[in-house]
Amino acid sequence: MSNRVRLNARLVSRADLRFSPSGVAVLQAGLHHRAAVAEAGVERQLDFELEAIALGDAARRLDRQALGTELDIDGFLAPRSRRSRTLIVHIIEFKTI
């Protein structure tokens, strides 16, 4: 099975960089995605915001990005916590567009 998310999004918010008890950098962020995709032969306009989290080097790098920066994101989906059904994007890697 595969769980991979790849999308272009604009960085619209971010919390302060923090560190886990084990010293890993953690950064929570808000993303905005806008695109047109084909579905069943019909063009569909997408325009939504989603939450994301980055850890380690990706968190430190994301913390240096200005709000409004367009990003090409590679990551995966996971529940916000063990008991949650709400999904967030975990950013593994990104580059600016």
PDB file of N, CA and C in Angstrom:
ATOM      1  N   MET A   1       0.822  -1.185   0.000  1.00  0.00           N
ATOM      2  CA  MET A   1       0.000   0.000   0.000  1.00  0.00           C
ATOM      3  C   MET A   1       0.866   1.248   0.000  1.00  0.00           C
ATOM      4  N   SER A   2       0.326   2.278  -0.572  1.00  0.00           N
ATOM      5  CA  SER A   2       1.074   3.527  -0.662  1.00  0.00           C
ATOM      6  C   SER A   2       0.254   4.664  -0.065  1.00  0.00           C
ATOM      7  N   ASN A   3       0.920   5.591   0.554  1.00  0.00           N
ATOM      8  CA  ASN A   3       0.292   6.795   1.096  1.00  0.00           C
ATOM      9  C   ASN A   3       1.228   7.942   0.763  1.00  0.00           C
ATOM     10  N   ARG A   4       0.965   8.579  -0.359  1.00  0.00           N
ATOM     11  CA  ARG A   4       1.831   9.664  -0.801  1.00  0.00           C
ATOM     12  C   ARG A   4       0.972  10.823  -1.281  1.00  0.00           C
ATOM     13  N   VAL A   5       1.337  12.014  -0.865  1.00  0.00           N
ATOM     14  CA  VAL A   5       0.658  13.230  -1.290  1.00  0.00           C
ATOM     15  C   VAL A   5       1.678  14.098  -1.994  1.00  0.00           C
ATOM     16  N   ARG A   6       1.308  14.586  -3.154  1.00  0.00           N
ATOM     17  CA  ARG A   6       2.163  15.509  -3.890  1.00  0.00           C
ATOM     18  C   ARG A   6       1.268  16.632  -4.372  1.00  0.00           C
ATOM     19  N   LEU A   7       1.535  17.854  -3.948  1.00  0.00           N
ATOM     20  CA  LEU A   7       0.716  18.972  -4.388  1.00  0.00           C
ATOM     21  C   LEU A   7       1.488  20.278  -4.318  1.00  0.00           C
ATOM     22  N   ASN A   8       0.994  21.231  -5.076  1.00  0.00           N
ATOM     23  CA  ASN A   8       1.491  22.596  -5.004  1.00  0.00           C
ATOM     24  C   ASN A   8       0.550  23.359  -4.103  1.00  0.00           C
ATOM     25  N   ALA A   9       1.095  24.137  -3.196  1.00  0.00           N
ATOM     26  CA  ALA A   9       0.272  24.904  -2.267  1.00  0.00           C
ATOM     27  C   ALA A   9       1.033  26.141  -1.824  1.00  0.00           C
ATOM     28  N   ARG A  10       0.269  27.123  -1.370  1.00  0.00           N
ATOM     29  CA  ARG A  10       0.843  28.368  -0.860  1.00  0.00           C
ATOM     30  C   ARG A  10       0.851  28.289   0.664  1.00  0.00           C
ATOM     31  N   LEU A  11       1.963  28.673   1.270  1.00  0.00           N
ATOM     32  CA  LEU A  11       2.079  28.713   2.729  1.00  0.00           C
ATOM     33  C   LEU A  11       1.291  29.912   3.239  1.00  0.00           C
ATOM     34  N   VAL A  12       0.217  29.667   4.002  1.00  0.00           N
ATOM     35  CA  VAL A  12      -0.639  30.769   4.450  1.00  0.00           C
ATOM     36  C   VAL A  12      -0.537  31.034   5.948  1.00  0.00           C
ATOM     37  N   SER A  13      -0.041  30.082   6.717  1.00  0.00           N
ATOM     38  CA  SER A  13       0.155  30.313   8.153  1.00  0.00           C
ATOM     39  C   SER A  13       1.176  29.311   8.666  1.00  0.00           C
ATOM     40  N   ARG A  14       1.734  29.664   9.812  1.00  0.00           N
ATOM     41  CA  ARG A  14       2.646  28.711  10.464  1.00  0.00           C
ATOM     42  C   ARG A  14       2.758  29.091  11.925  1.00  0.00           C
ATOM     43  N   ALA A  15       2.885  28.076  12.753  1.00  0.00           N
ATOM     44  CA  ALA A  15       3.080  28.274  14.188  1.00  0.00           C
ATOM     45  C   ALA A  15       4.567  28.509  14.439  1.00  0.00           C
ATOM     46  N   ASP A  16       4.899  28.813  15.661  1.00  0.00           N
ATOM     47  CA  ASP A  16       6.304  28.945  16.026  1.00  0.00           C
ATOM     48  C   ASP A  16       6.974  27.575  15.982  1.00  0.00           C
ATOM     49  N   LEU A  17       8.218  27.547  15.545  1.00  0.00           N
ATOM     50  CA  LEU A  17       8.996  26.318  15.543  1.00  0.00           C
ATOM     51  C   LEU A  17       9.139  25.844  16.989  1.00  0.00           C
ATOM     52  N   ARG A  18       8.858  24.569  17.210  1.00  0.00           N
ATOM     53  CA  ARG A  18       9.013  24.005  18.545  1.00  0.00           C
ATOM     54  C   ARG A  18       9.815  22.718  18.431  1.00  0.00           C
ATOM     55  N   PHE A  19      10.112  22.136  19.576  1.00  0.00           N
ATOM     56  CA  PHE A  19      10.903  20.911  19.584  1.00  0.00           C
ATOM     57  C   PHE A  19      10.205  19.857  20.419  1.00  0.00           C
ATOM     58  N   SER A  20      10.226  18.627  19.921  1.00  0.00           N
ATOM     59  CA  SER A  20       9.633  17.497  20.652  1.00  0.00           C
ATOM     60  C   SER A  20      10.492  17.213  21.881  1.00  0.00           C
ATOM     61  N   PRO A  21       9.990  16.409  22.814  1.00  0.00           N
ATOM     62  CA  PRO A  21      10.799  16.056  23.992  1.00  0.00           C
ATOM     63  C   PRO A  21      12.137  15.406  23.619  1.00  0.00           C
ATOM     64  N   SER A  22      12.186  14.770  22.456  1.00  0.00           N
ATOM     65  CA  SER A  22      13.439  14.143  22.029  1.00  0.00           C
ATOM     66  C   SER A  22      14.317  15.090  21.207  1.00  0.00           C
ATOM     67  N   GLY A  23      13.898  16.366  21.074  1.00  0.00           N
ATOM     68  CA  GLY A  23      14.727  17.363  20.406  1.00  0.00           C
ATOM     69  C   GLY A  23      14.506  17.509  18.912  1.00  0.00           C
ATOM     70  N   VAL A  24      13.461  16.890  18.362  1.00  0.00           N
ATOM     71  CA  VAL A  24      13.175  16.989  16.928  1.00  0.00           C
ATOM     72  C   VAL A  24      12.378  18.264  16.661  1.00  0.00           C
ATOM     73  N   ALA A  25      12.792  19.041  15.671  1.00  0.00           N
ATOM     74  CA  ALA A  25      12.077  20.256  15.292  1.00  0.00           C
ATOM     75  C   ALA A  25      10.703  19.897  14.733  1.00  0.00           C
ATOM     76  N   VAL A  26       9.672  20.675  15.131  1.00  0.00           N
ATOM     77  CA  VAL A  26       8.286  20.438  14.700  1.00  0.00           C
ATOM     78  C   VAL A  26       7.688  21.787  14.300  1.00  0.00           C
ATOM     79  N   LEU A  27       7.056  21.818  13.127  1.00  0.00           N
ATOM     80  CA  LEU A  27       6.413  23.042  12.671  1.00  0.00           C
ATOM     81  C   LEU A  27       5.055  22.705  12.073  1.00  0.00           C
ATOM     82  N   GLN A  28       4.013  23.331  12.616  1.00  0.00           N
ATOM     83  CA  GLN A  28       2.674  23.186  12.068  1.00  0.00           C
ATOM     84  C   GLN A  28       2.411  24.362  11.143  1.00  0.00           C
ATOM     85  N   ALA A  29       1.712  24.097  10.026  1.00  0.00           N
ATOM     86  CA  ALA A  29       1.495  25.133   9.022  1.00  0.00           C
ATOM     87  C   ALA A  29       0.127  24.977   8.377  1.00  0.00           C
ATOM     88  N   GLY A  30      -0.330  26.071   7.778  1.00  0.00           N
ATOM     89  CA  GLY A  30      -1.551  26.069   6.989  1.00  0.00           C
ATOM     90  C   GLY A  30      -1.198  26.269   5.530  1.00  0.00           C
ATOM     91  N   LEU A  31      -1.837  25.507   4.653  1.00  0.00           N
ATOM     92  CA  LEU A  31      -1.574  25.565   3.226  1.00  0.00           C
ATOM     93  C   LEU A  31      -2.848  25.896   2.463  1.00  0.00           C
ATOM     94  N   HIS A  32      -2.705  26.558   1.335  1.00  0.00           N
ATOM     95  CA  HIS A  32      -3.837  26.836   0.455  1.00  0.00           C
ATOM     96  C   HIS A  32      -3.514  26.251  -0.918  1.00  0.00           C
ATOM     97  N   HIS A  33      -4.444  25.442  -1.442  1.00  0.00           N
ATOM     98  CA  HIS A  33      -4.266  24.793  -2.746  1.00  0.00           C
ATOM     99  C   HIS A  33      -5.366  25.247  -3.687  1.00  0.00           C
ATOM    100  N   ARG A  34      -4.976  25.623  -4.885  1.00  0.00           N
ATOM    101  CA  ARG A  34      -5.943  25.997  -5.923  1.00  0.00           C
ATOM    102  C   ARG A  34      -5.486  25.347  -7.224  1.00  0.00           C
ATOM    103  N   ALA A  35      -6.406  24.623  -7.875  1.00  0.00           N
ATOM    104  CA  ALA A  35      -6.062  23.947  -9.129  1.00  0.00           C
ATOM    105  C   ALA A  35      -7.328  23.559  -9.869  1.00  0.00           C
ATOM    106  N   ALA A  36      -7.150  23.199 -11.126  1.00  0.00           N
ATOM    107  CA  ALA A  36      -8.220  22.617 -11.928  1.00  0.00           C
ATOM    108  C   ALA A  36      -7.794  21.192 -12.267  1.00  0.00           C
ATOM    109  N   VAL A  37      -8.683  20.236 -12.062  1.00  0.00           N
ATOM    110  CA  VAL A  37      -8.398  18.836 -12.377  1.00  0.00           C
ATOM    111  C   VAL A  37      -9.543  18.265 -13.202  1.00  0.00           C
ATOM    112  N   ALA A  38      -9.222  17.260 -13.994  1.00  0.00           N
ATOM    113  CA  ALA A  38     -10.255  16.589 -14.781  1.00  0.00           C
ATOM    114  C   ALA A  38     -10.776  15.396 -13.990  1.00  0.00           C
ATOM    115  N   GLU A  39     -12.092  15.307 -13.894  1.00  0.00           N
ATOM    116  CA  GLU A  39     -12.733  14.189 -13.216  1.00  0.00           C
ATOM    117  C   GLU A  39     -13.925  13.750 -14.063  1.00  0.00           C
ATOM    118  N   ALA A  40     -13.894  12.496 -14.510  1.00  0.00           N
ATOM    119  CA  ALA A  40     -14.961  11.942 -15.340  1.00  0.00           C
ATOM    120  C   ALA A  40     -15.220  12.822 -16.566  1.00  0.00           C
ATOM    121  N   GLY A  41     -14.134  13.338 -17.132  1.00  0.00           N
ATOM    122  CA  GLY A  41     -14.250  14.144 -18.336  1.00  0.00           C
ATOM    123  C   GLY A  41     -14.697  15.576 -18.130  1.00  0.00           C
ATOM    124  N   VAL A  42     -14.846  15.990 -16.887  1.00  0.00           N
ATOM    125  CA  VAL A  42     -15.295  17.344 -16.569  1.00  0.00           C
ATOM    126  C   VAL A  42     -14.209  18.039 -15.761  1.00  0.00           C
ATOM    127  N   GLU A  43     -13.935  19.304 -16.113  1.00  0.00           N
ATOM    128  CA  GLU A  43     -12.946  20.056 -15.334  1.00  0.00           C
ATOM    129  C   GLU A  43     -13.563  20.498 -14.016  1.00  0.00           C
ATOM    130  N   ARG A  44     -12.851  20.259 -12.942  1.00  0.00           N
ATOM    131  CA  ARG A  44     -13.322  20.612 -11.606  1.00  0.00           C
ATOM    132  C   ARG A  44     -12.333  21.597 -10.985  1.00  0.00           C
ATOM    133  N   GLN A  45     -12.840  22.684 -10.450  1.00  0.00           N
ATOM    134  CA  GLN A  45     -12.010  23.694  -9.796  1.00  0.00           C
ATOM    135  C   GLN A  45     -11.869  23.340  -8.312  1.00  0.00           C
ATOM    136  N   LEU A  46     -10.640  23.285  -7.842  1.00  0.00           N
ATOM    137  CA  LEU A  46     -10.367  23.020  -6.429  1.00  0.00           C
ATOM    138  C   LEU A  46      -9.816  24.282  -5.793  1.00  0.00           C
ATOM    139  N   ASP A  47     -10.272  24.581  -4.594  1.00  0.00           N
ATOM    140  CA  ASP A  47      -9.811  25.754  -3.859  1.00  0.00           C
ATOM    141  C   ASP A  47     -10.058  25.476  -2.387  1.00  0.00           C
ATOM    142  N   PHE A  48      -9.001  25.078  -1.651  1.00  0.00           N
ATOM    143  CA  PHE A  48      -9.190  24.699  -0.257  1.00  0.00           C
ATOM    144  C   PHE A  48      -7.926  24.931   0.558  1.00  0.00           C
ATOM    145  N   GLU A  49      -8.106  24.947   1.864  1.00  0.00           N
ATOM    146  CA  GLU A  49      -6.980  25.034   2.795  1.00  0.00           C
ATOM    147  C   GLU A  49      -6.874  23.731   3.556  1.00  0.00           C
ATOM    148  N   LEU A  50      -5.661  23.397   3.957  1.00  0.00           N
ATOM    149  CA  LEU A  50      -5.439  22.197   4.743  1.00  0.00           C
ATOM    150  C   LEU A  50      -4.294  22.435   5.710  1.00  0.00           C
ATOM    151  N   GLU A  51      -4.274  21.623   6.745  1.00  0.00           N
ATOM    152  CA  GLU A  51      -3.225  21.724   7.748  1.00  0.00           C
ATOM    153  C   GLU A  51      -2.097  20.760   7.417  1.00  0.00           C
ATOM    154  N   ALA A  52      -0.902  21.155   7.824  1.00  0.00           N
ATOM    155  CA  ALA A  52       0.275  20.337   7.564  1.00  0.00           C
ATOM    156  C   ALA A  52       1.214  20.406   8.764  1.00  0.00           C
ATOM    157  N   ILE A  53       2.124  19.453   8.810  1.00  0.00           N
ATOM    158  CA  ILE A  53       3.157  19.422   9.837  1.00  0.00           C
ATOM    159  C   ILE A  53       4.452  18.960   9.178  1.00  0.00           C
ATOM    160  N   ALA A  54       5.544  19.531   9.621  1.00  0.00           N
ATOM    161  CA  ALA A  54       6.870  19.137   9.133  1.00  0.00           C
ATOM    162  C   ALA A  54       7.747  18.858  10.347  1.00  0.00           C
ATOM    163  N   LEU A  55       8.635  17.893  10.200  1.00  0.00           N
ATOM    164  CA  LEU A  55       9.545  17.511  11.282  1.00  0.00           C
ATOM    165  C   LEU A  55      10.994  17.600  10.812  1.00  0.00           C
ATOM    166  N   GLY A  56      11.896  17.781  11.749  1.00  0.00           N
ATOM    167  CA  GLY A  56      13.327  17.755  11.452  1.00  0.00           C
ATOM    168  C   GLY A  56      13.769  18.873  10.531  1.00  0.00           C
ATOM    169  N   ASP A  57      14.615  18.506   9.555  1.00  0.00           N
ATOM    170  CA  ASP A  57      15.162  19.497   8.627  1.00  0.00           C
ATOM    171  C   ASP A  57      14.065  20.188   7.826  1.00  0.00           C
ATOM    172  N   ALA A  58      13.024  19.447   7.430  1.00  0.00           N
ATOM    173  CA  ALA A  58      11.919  20.056   6.680  1.00  0.00           C
ATOM    174  C   ALA A  58      11.246  21.144   7.523  1.00  0.00           C
ATOM    175  N   ALA A  59      11.114  20.930   8.827  1.00  0.00           N
ATOM    176  CA  ALA A  59      10.510  21.935   9.714  1.00  0.00           C
ATOM    177  C   ALA A  59      11.382  23.176   9.798  1.00  0.00           C
ATOM    178  N   ARG A  60      12.693  22.989   9.932  1.00  0.00           N
ATOM    179  CA  ARG A  60      13.588  24.137  10.013  1.00  0.00           C
ATOM    180  C   ARG A  60      13.584  24.943   8.716  1.00  0.00           C
ATOM    181  N   ARG A  61      13.570  24.247   7.595  1.00  0.00           N
ATOM    182  CA  ARG A  61      13.553  24.927   6.288  1.00  0.00           C
ATOM    183  C   ARG A  61      12.232  25.649   6.067  1.00  0.00           C
ATOM    184  N   LEU A  62      11.115  25.005   6.425  1.00  0.00           N
ATOM    185  CA  LEU A  62       9.800  25.621   6.248  1.00  0.00           C
ATOM    186  C   LEU A  62       9.661  26.857   7.131  1.00  0.00           C
ATOM    187  N   ASP A  63      10.277  26.841   8.300  1.00  0.00           N
ATOM    188  CA  ASP A  63      10.222  27.982   9.214  1.00  0.00           C
ATOM    189  C   ASP A  63      10.867  29.231   8.599  1.00  0.00           C
ATOM    190  N   ARG A  64      11.774  29.045   7.659  1.00  0.00           N
ATOM    191  CA  ARG A  64      12.464  30.166   7.015  1.00  0.00           C
ATOM    192  C   ARG A  64      11.717  30.702   5.794  1.00  0.00           C
ATOM    193  N   GLN A  65      10.637  30.052   5.383  1.00  0.00           N
ATOM    194  CA  GLN A  65       9.886  30.485   4.205  1.00  0.00           C
ATOM    195  C   GLN A  65       8.916  31.604   4.569  1.00  0.00           C
ATOM    196  N   ALA A  66       8.798  32.570   3.710  1.00  0.00           N
ATOM    197  CA  ALA A  66       7.853  33.673   3.923  1.00  0.00           C
ATOM    198  C   ALA A  66       6.431  33.191   3.671  1.00  0.00           C
ATOM    199  N   LEU A  67       5.487  33.746   4.430  1.00  0.00           N
ATOM    200  CA  LEU A  67       4.088  33.453   4.153  1.00  0.00           C
ATOM    201  C   LEU A  67       3.781  33.910   2.735  1.00  0.00           C
ATOM    202  N   GLY A  68       2.986  33.136   2.024  1.00  0.00           N
ATOM    203  CA  GLY A  68       2.672  33.429   0.635  1.00  0.00           C
ATOM    204  C   GLY A  68       3.553  32.680  -0.350  1.00  0.00           C
ATOM    205  N   THR A  69       4.608  32.032   0.127  1.00  0.00           N
ATOM    206  CA  THR A  69       5.509  31.285  -0.746  1.00  0.00           C
ATOM    207  C   THR A  69       4.789  30.081  -1.345  1.00  0.00           C
ATOM    208  N   GLU A  70       4.959  29.900  -2.661  1.00  0.00           N
ATOM    209  CA  GLU A  70       4.400  28.731  -3.354  1.00  0.00           C
ATOM    210  C   GLU A  70       5.367  27.567  -3.195  1.00  0.00           C
ATOM    211  N   LEU A  71       4.825  26.421  -2.803  1.00  0.00           N
ATOM    212  CA  LEU A  71       5.636  25.242  -2.513  1.00  0.00           C
ATOM    213  C   LEU A  71       5.190  24.043  -3.338  1.00  0.00           C
ATOM    214  N   ASP A  72       6.133  23.211  -3.713  1.00  0.00           N
ATOM    215  CA  ASP A  72       5.873  21.901  -4.304  1.00  0.00           C
ATOM    216  C   ASP A  72       6.162  20.906  -3.179  1.00  0.00           C
ATOM    217  N   ILE A  73       5.110  20.261  -2.679  1.00  0.00           N
ATOM    218  CA  ILE A  73       5.194  19.463  -1.453  1.00  0.00           C
ATOM    219  C   ILE A  73       5.107  17.980  -1.752  1.00  0.00           C
ATOM    220  N   ASP A  74       5.929  17.221  -1.061  1.00  0.00           N
ATOM    221  CA  ASP A  74       5.896  15.756  -1.117  1.00  0.00           C
ATOM    222  C   ASP A  74       5.733  15.273   0.320  1.00  0.00           C
ATOM    223  N   GLY A  75       4.725  14.446   0.571  1.00  0.00           N
ATOM    224  CA  GLY A  75       4.498  13.971   1.930  1.00  0.00           C
ATOM    225  C   GLY A  75       3.505  12.836   1.979  1.00  0.00           C
ATOM    226  N   PHE A  76       2.816  12.718   3.108  1.00  0.00           N
ATOM    227  CA  PHE A  76       1.818  11.669   3.289  1.00  0.00           C
ATOM    228  C   PHE A  76       0.722  12.167   4.212  1.00  0.00           C
ATOM    229  N   LEU A  77      -0.399  11.471   4.226  1.00  0.00           N
ATOM    230  CA  LEU A  77      -1.526  11.792   5.100  1.00  0.00           C
ATOM    231  C   LEU A  77      -1.483  10.921   6.343  1.00  0.00           C
ATOM    232  N   ALA A  78      -1.830  11.520   7.478  1.00  0.00           N
ATOM    233  CA  ALA A  78      -1.919  10.767   8.729  1.00  0.00           C
ATOM    234  C   ALA A  78      -2.921  11.465   9.642  1.00  0.00           C
ATOM    235  N   PRO A  79      -3.520  10.715  10.566  1.00  0.00           N
ATOM    236  CA  PRO A  79      -4.419  11.350  11.532  1.00  0.00           C
ATOM    237  C   PRO A  79      -3.661  12.353  12.387  1.00  0.00           C
ATOM    238  N   ARG A  80      -4.371  13.394  12.831  1.00  0.00           N
ATOM    239  CA  ARG A  80      -3.774  14.413  13.689  1.00  0.00           C
ATOM    240  C   ARG A  80      -3.184  13.800  14.962  1.00  0.00           C
ATOM    241  N   SER A  81      -3.865  12.806  15.508  1.00  0.00           N
ATOM    242  CA  SER A  81      -3.384  12.098  16.706  1.00  0.00           C
ATOM    243  C   SER A  81      -3.891  10.664  16.636  1.00  0.00           C
ATOM    244  N   ARG A  82      -3.502   9.858  17.579  1.00  0.00           N
ATOM    245  CA  ARG A  82      -3.913   8.440  17.576  1.00  0.00           C
ATOM    246  C   ARG A  82      -5.422   8.252  17.583  1.00  0.00           C
ATOM    247  N   ARG A  83      -6.132   9.114  18.284  1.00  0.00           N
ATOM    248  CA  ARG A  83      -7.583   8.959  18.414  1.00  0.00           C
ATOM    249  C   ARG A  83      -8.379   9.805  17.426  1.00  0.00           C
ATOM    250  N   SER A  84      -7.700  10.583  16.630  1.00  0.00           N
ATOM    251  CA  SER A  84      -8.377  11.503  15.711  1.00  0.00           C
ATOM    252  C   SER A  84      -8.682  10.830  14.374  1.00  0.00           C
ATOM    253  N   ARG A  85      -9.730  11.287  13.730  1.00  0.00           N
ATOM    254  CA  ARG A  85     -10.048  10.859  12.368  1.00  0.00           C
ATOM    255  C   ARG A  85      -9.742  11.983  11.374  1.00  0.00           C
ATOM    256  N   THR A  86      -9.337  13.143  11.884  1.00  0.00           N
ATOM    257  CA  THR A  86      -8.976  14.276  11.039  1.00  0.00           C
ATOM    258  C   THR A  86      -7.571  14.064  10.479  1.00  0.00           C
ATOM    259  N   LEU A  87      -7.440  14.216   9.163  1.00  0.00           N
ATOM    260  CA  LEU A  87      -6.148  14.002   8.509  1.00  0.00           C
ATOM    261  C   LEU A  87      -5.396  15.313   8.316  1.00  0.00           C
ATOM    262  N   ILE A  88      -4.068  15.233   8.388  1.00  0.00           N
ATOM    263  CA  ILE A  88      -3.199  16.358   8.057  1.00  0.00           C
ATOM    264  C   ILE A  88      -2.090  15.841   7.139  1.00  0.00           C
ATOM    265  N   VAL A  89      -1.500  16.751   6.387  1.00  0.00           N
ATOM    266  CA  VAL A  89      -0.385  16.402   5.506  1.00  0.00           C
ATOM    267  C   VAL A  89       0.907  16.489   6.300  1.00  0.00           C
ATOM    268  N   HIS A  90       1.677  15.423   6.272  1.00  0.00           N
ATOM    269  CA  HIS A  90       3.022  15.427   6.859  1.00  0.00           C
ATOM    270  C   HIS A  90       3.988  15.729   5.713  1.00  0.00           C
ATOM    271  N   ILE A  91       4.673  16.852   5.810  1.00  0.00           N
ATOM    272  CA  ILE A  91       5.590  17.275   4.754  1.00  0.00           C
ATOM    273  C   ILE A  91       6.940  16.592   4.962  1.00  0.00           C
ATOM    274  N   ILE A  92       7.309  15.765   3.994  1.00  0.00           N
ATOM    275  CA  ILE A  92       8.607  15.086   4.035  1.00  0.00           C
ATOM    276  C   ILE A  92       9.667  15.953   3.355  1.00  0.00           C
ATOM    277  N   GLU A  93       9.285  16.522   2.214  1.00  0.00           N
ATOM    278  CA  GLU A  93      10.206  17.351   1.422  1.00  0.00           C
ATOM    279  C   GLU A  93       9.388  18.409   0.698  1.00  0.00           C
ATOM    280  N   PHE A  94      10.026  19.523   0.396  1.00  0.00           N
ATOM    281  CA  PHE A  94       9.373  20.563  -0.394  1.00  0.00           C
ATOM    282  C   PHE A  94      10.438  21.392  -1.097  1.00  0.00           C
ATOM    283  N   LYS A  95       9.995  22.057  -2.148  1.00  0.00           N
ATOM    284  CA  LYS A  95      10.840  23.045  -2.792  1.00  0.00           C
ATOM    285  C   LYS A  95       9.976  24.226  -3.148  1.00  0.00           C
ATOM    286  N   THR A  96      10.576  25.382  -3.246  1.00  0.00           N
ATOM    287  CA  THR A  96       9.822  26.574  -3.617  1.00  0.00           C
ATOM    288  C   THR A  96       9.623  26.569  -5.127  1.00  0.00           C
ATOM    289  N   ILE A  97       8.518  27.145  -5.536  1.00  0.00           N
ATOM    290  CA  ILE A  97       8.187  27.184  -6.975  1.00  0.00           C
ATOM    291  C   ILE A  97       8.511  28.575  -7.502  1.00  0.00           C
TER     292      ILE A  97
END
